[in-house]
């Protein structure tokens, strides 16, 4: 039986700061919405340990060495790089600010 490959998911410091900023920004209007967005982002990030290449390549980073991909979550983009053994969450940003 073939075991599904599991990747290690790591967050860059910048992405951690961006997640906190997003949460704090949304919380000014609604703590419930802020928790929902944060929960969905974290759930998606955790899910990348399996089949991280299932999401599309990230065109703005195609010329940079790496395998950059993204997943849209509400109005935010979770941008990550897939290596042989790891997934690096490199950026979180509002899709209108990219």
C-alpha atoms as a PDB file:
ATOM      1  CA  UNK A   1       0.000   0.000   0.000  1.00  0.00           C
ATOM      2  CA  UNK A   2       1.413   3.398  -0.996  1.00  0.00           C
ATOM      3  CA  UNK A   3       1.634   5.955   1.752  1.00  0.00           C
ATOM      4  CA  UNK A   4       0.783   9.540   0.827  1.00  0.00           C
ATOM      5  CA  UNK A   5       3.843  11.751   1.095  1.00  0.00           C
ATOM      6  CA  UNK A   6       3.669  14.213   3.971  1.00  0.00           C
ATOM      7  CA  UNK A   7       5.437  17.559   3.814  1.00  0.00           C
ATOM      8  CA  UNK A   8       6.576  19.646   6.768  1.00  0.00           C
ATOM      9  CA  UNK A   9       4.697  22.967   6.800  1.00  0.00           C
ATOM     10  CA  UNK A  10       6.709  25.969   8.004  1.00  0.00           C
ATOM     11  CA  UNK A  11       5.702  29.610   8.337  1.00  0.00           C
ATOM     12  CA  UNK A  12       8.122  32.416   7.472  1.00  0.00           C
ATOM     13  CA  UNK A  13       8.229  35.129  10.140  1.00  0.00           C
ATOM     14  CA  UNK A  14       6.762  37.672   7.707  1.00  0.00           C
ATOM     15  CA  UNK A  15       3.755  35.452   7.040  1.00  0.00           C
ATOM     16  CA  UNK A  16       3.164  35.027  10.788  1.00  0.00           C
ATOM     17  CA  UNK A  17       3.186  38.810  11.214  1.00  0.00           C
ATOM     18  CA  UNK A  18       0.797  39.206   8.280  1.00  0.00           C
ATOM     19  CA  UNK A  19      -1.619  36.676   9.797  1.00  0.00           C
ATOM     20  CA  UNK A  20      -1.622  38.643  13.056  1.00  0.00           C
ATOM     21  CA  UNK A  21      -2.174  41.900  11.180  1.00  0.00           C
ATOM     22  CA  UNK A  22      -5.091  40.417   9.210  1.00  0.00           C
ATOM     23  CA  UNK A  23      -6.684  39.117  12.407  1.00  0.00           C
ATOM     24  CA  UNK A  24      -6.256  42.455  14.225  1.00  0.00           C
ATOM     25  CA  UNK A  25      -7.563  44.416  11.248  1.00  0.00           C
ATOM     26  CA  UNK A  26     -10.734  42.326  10.847  1.00  0.00           C
ATOM     27  CA  UNK A  27     -11.256  42.218  14.629  1.00  0.00           C
ATOM     28  CA  UNK A  28     -11.809  45.996  14.631  1.00  0.00           C
ATOM     29  CA  UNK A  29     -15.109  45.295  12.855  1.00  0.00           C
ATOM     30  CA  UNK A  30     -15.945  41.776  14.031  1.00  0.00           C
ATOM     31  CA  UNK A  31     -14.105  39.407  16.349  1.00  0.00           C
ATOM     32  CA  UNK A  32     -16.216  36.518  15.050  1.00  0.00           C
ATOM     33  CA  UNK A  33     -15.199  37.205  11.447  1.00  0.00           C
ATOM     34  CA  UNK A  34     -11.566  37.628  12.468  1.00  0.00           C
ATOM     35  CA  UNK A  35     -11.585  34.221  14.162  1.00  0.00           C
ATOM     36  CA  UNK A  36     -13.297  32.628  11.157  1.00  0.00           C
ATOM     37  CA  UNK A  37     -10.736  34.004   8.683  1.00  0.00           C
ATOM     38  CA  UNK A  38      -7.789  33.043  10.913  1.00  0.00           C
ATOM     39  CA  UNK A  39      -9.190  29.545  11.462  1.00  0.00           C
ATOM     40  CA  UNK A  40      -9.695  28.983   7.729  1.00  0.00           C
ATOM     41  CA  UNK A  41      -6.181  30.229   6.898  1.00  0.00           C
ATOM     42  CA  UNK A  42      -4.614  27.972   9.531  1.00  0.00           C
ATOM     43  CA  UNK A  43      -6.724  24.990   8.437  1.00  0.00           C
ATOM     44  CA  UNK A  44      -5.681  25.489   4.820  1.00  0.00           C
ATOM     45  CA  UNK A  45      -2.018  25.844   5.801  1.00  0.00           C
ATOM     46  CA  UNK A  46      -2.147  22.594   7.806  1.00  0.00           C
ATOM     47  CA  UNK A  47      -3.787  20.817   4.879  1.00  0.00           C
ATOM     48  CA  UNK A  48      -0.757  21.578   2.716  1.00  0.00           C
ATOM     49  CA  UNK A  49       1.125  18.739   4.401  1.00  0.00           C
ATOM     50  CA  UNK A  50      -0.638  16.506   1.864  1.00  0.00           C
ATOM     51  CA  UNK A  51      -0.631  17.230  -1.867  1.00  0.00           C
ATOM     52  CA  UNK A  52       0.477  20.880  -1.671  1.00  0.00           C
ATOM     53  CA  UNK A  53       0.751  21.101  -5.451  1.00  0.00           C
ATOM     54  CA  UNK A  54      -3.023  20.746  -5.838  1.00  0.00           C
ATOM     55  CA  UNK A  55      -3.356  24.532  -5.937  1.00  0.00           C
ATOM     56  CA  UNK A  56      -2.335  26.733  -8.844  1.00  0.00           C
ATOM     57  CA  UNK A  57       1.115  28.163  -9.501  1.00  0.00           C
ATOM     58  CA  UNK A  58       1.492  31.785  -8.451  1.00  0.00           C
ATOM     59  CA  UNK A  59       2.180  33.738 -11.683  1.00  0.00           C
ATOM     60  CA  UNK A  60       3.874  36.828 -10.135  1.00  0.00           C
ATOM     61  CA  UNK A  61       6.638  34.562  -8.786  1.00  0.00           C
ATOM     62  CA  UNK A  62       7.148  32.329 -11.834  1.00  0.00           C
ATOM     63  CA  UNK A  63      10.557  33.882 -12.574  1.00  0.00           C
ATOM     64  CA  UNK A  64      11.817  33.284  -9.040  1.00  0.00           C
ATOM     65  CA  UNK A  65      13.413  29.875  -8.440  1.00  0.00           C
ATOM     66  CA  UNK A  66      11.004  27.678  -6.528  1.00  0.00           C
ATOM     67  CA  UNK A  67       7.573  26.138  -6.832  1.00  0.00           C
ATOM     68  CA  UNK A  68       5.349  29.000  -5.642  1.00  0.00           C
ATOM     69  CA  UNK A  69       1.637  28.348  -5.387  1.00  0.00           C
ATOM     70  CA  UNK A  70      -1.345  30.052  -3.820  1.00  0.00           C
ATOM     71  CA  UNK A  71      -4.763  29.447  -2.371  1.00  0.00           C
ATOM     72  CA  UNK A  72      -7.393  32.163  -2.082  1.00  0.00           C
ATOM     73  CA  UNK A  73      -9.125  32.204   1.301  1.00  0.00           C
ATOM     74  CA  UNK A  74     -11.919  34.728   1.560  1.00  0.00           C
ATOM     75  CA  UNK A  75     -10.228  37.898   0.219  1.00  0.00           C
ATOM     76  CA  UNK A  76      -6.701  36.794   1.090  1.00  0.00           C
ATOM     77  CA  UNK A  77      -4.003  34.904  -0.753  1.00  0.00           C
ATOM     78  CA  UNK A  78      -1.942  32.282   1.060  1.00  0.00           C
ATOM     79  CA  UNK A  79       1.290  32.084  -0.942  1.00  0.00           C
ATOM     80  CA  UNK A  80       3.690  29.223  -0.395  1.00  0.00           C
ATOM     81  CA  UNK A  81       6.711  27.464  -1.866  1.00  0.00           C
ATOM     82  CA  UNK A  82       6.900  23.681  -2.193  1.00  0.00           C
ATOM     83  CA  UNK A  83      10.282  21.969  -1.886  1.00  0.00           C
ATOM     84  CA  UNK A  84      11.125  18.277  -1.927  1.00  0.00           C
ATOM     85  CA  UNK A  85      10.175  17.835   1.743  1.00  0.00           C
ATOM     86  CA  UNK A  86       8.678  21.106   2.982  1.00  0.00           C
ATOM     87  CA  UNK A  87       6.018  23.716   2.340  1.00  0.00           C
ATOM     88  CA  UNK A  88       7.036  27.263   3.255  1.00  0.00           C
ATOM     89  CA  UNK A  89       4.217  29.727   3.865  1.00  0.00           C
ATOM     90  CA  UNK A  90       5.893  32.885   2.571  1.00  0.00           C
ATOM     91  CA  UNK A  91       3.146  35.500   2.382  1.00  0.00           C
ATOM     92  CA  UNK A  92      -0.423  36.370   3.267  1.00  0.00           C
ATOM     93  CA  UNK A  93      -1.947  39.368   1.553  1.00  0.00           C
ATOM     94  CA  UNK A  94      -5.271  40.868   0.593  1.00  0.00           C
ATOM     95  CA  UNK A  95      -5.857  40.036  -3.043  1.00  0.00           C
ATOM     96  CA  UNK A  96      -6.429  43.697  -3.929  1.00  0.00           C
ATOM     97  CA  UNK A  97      -3.054  44.710  -2.491  1.00  0.00           C
ATOM     98  CA  UNK A  98      -0.998  42.317  -4.600  1.00  0.00           C
END
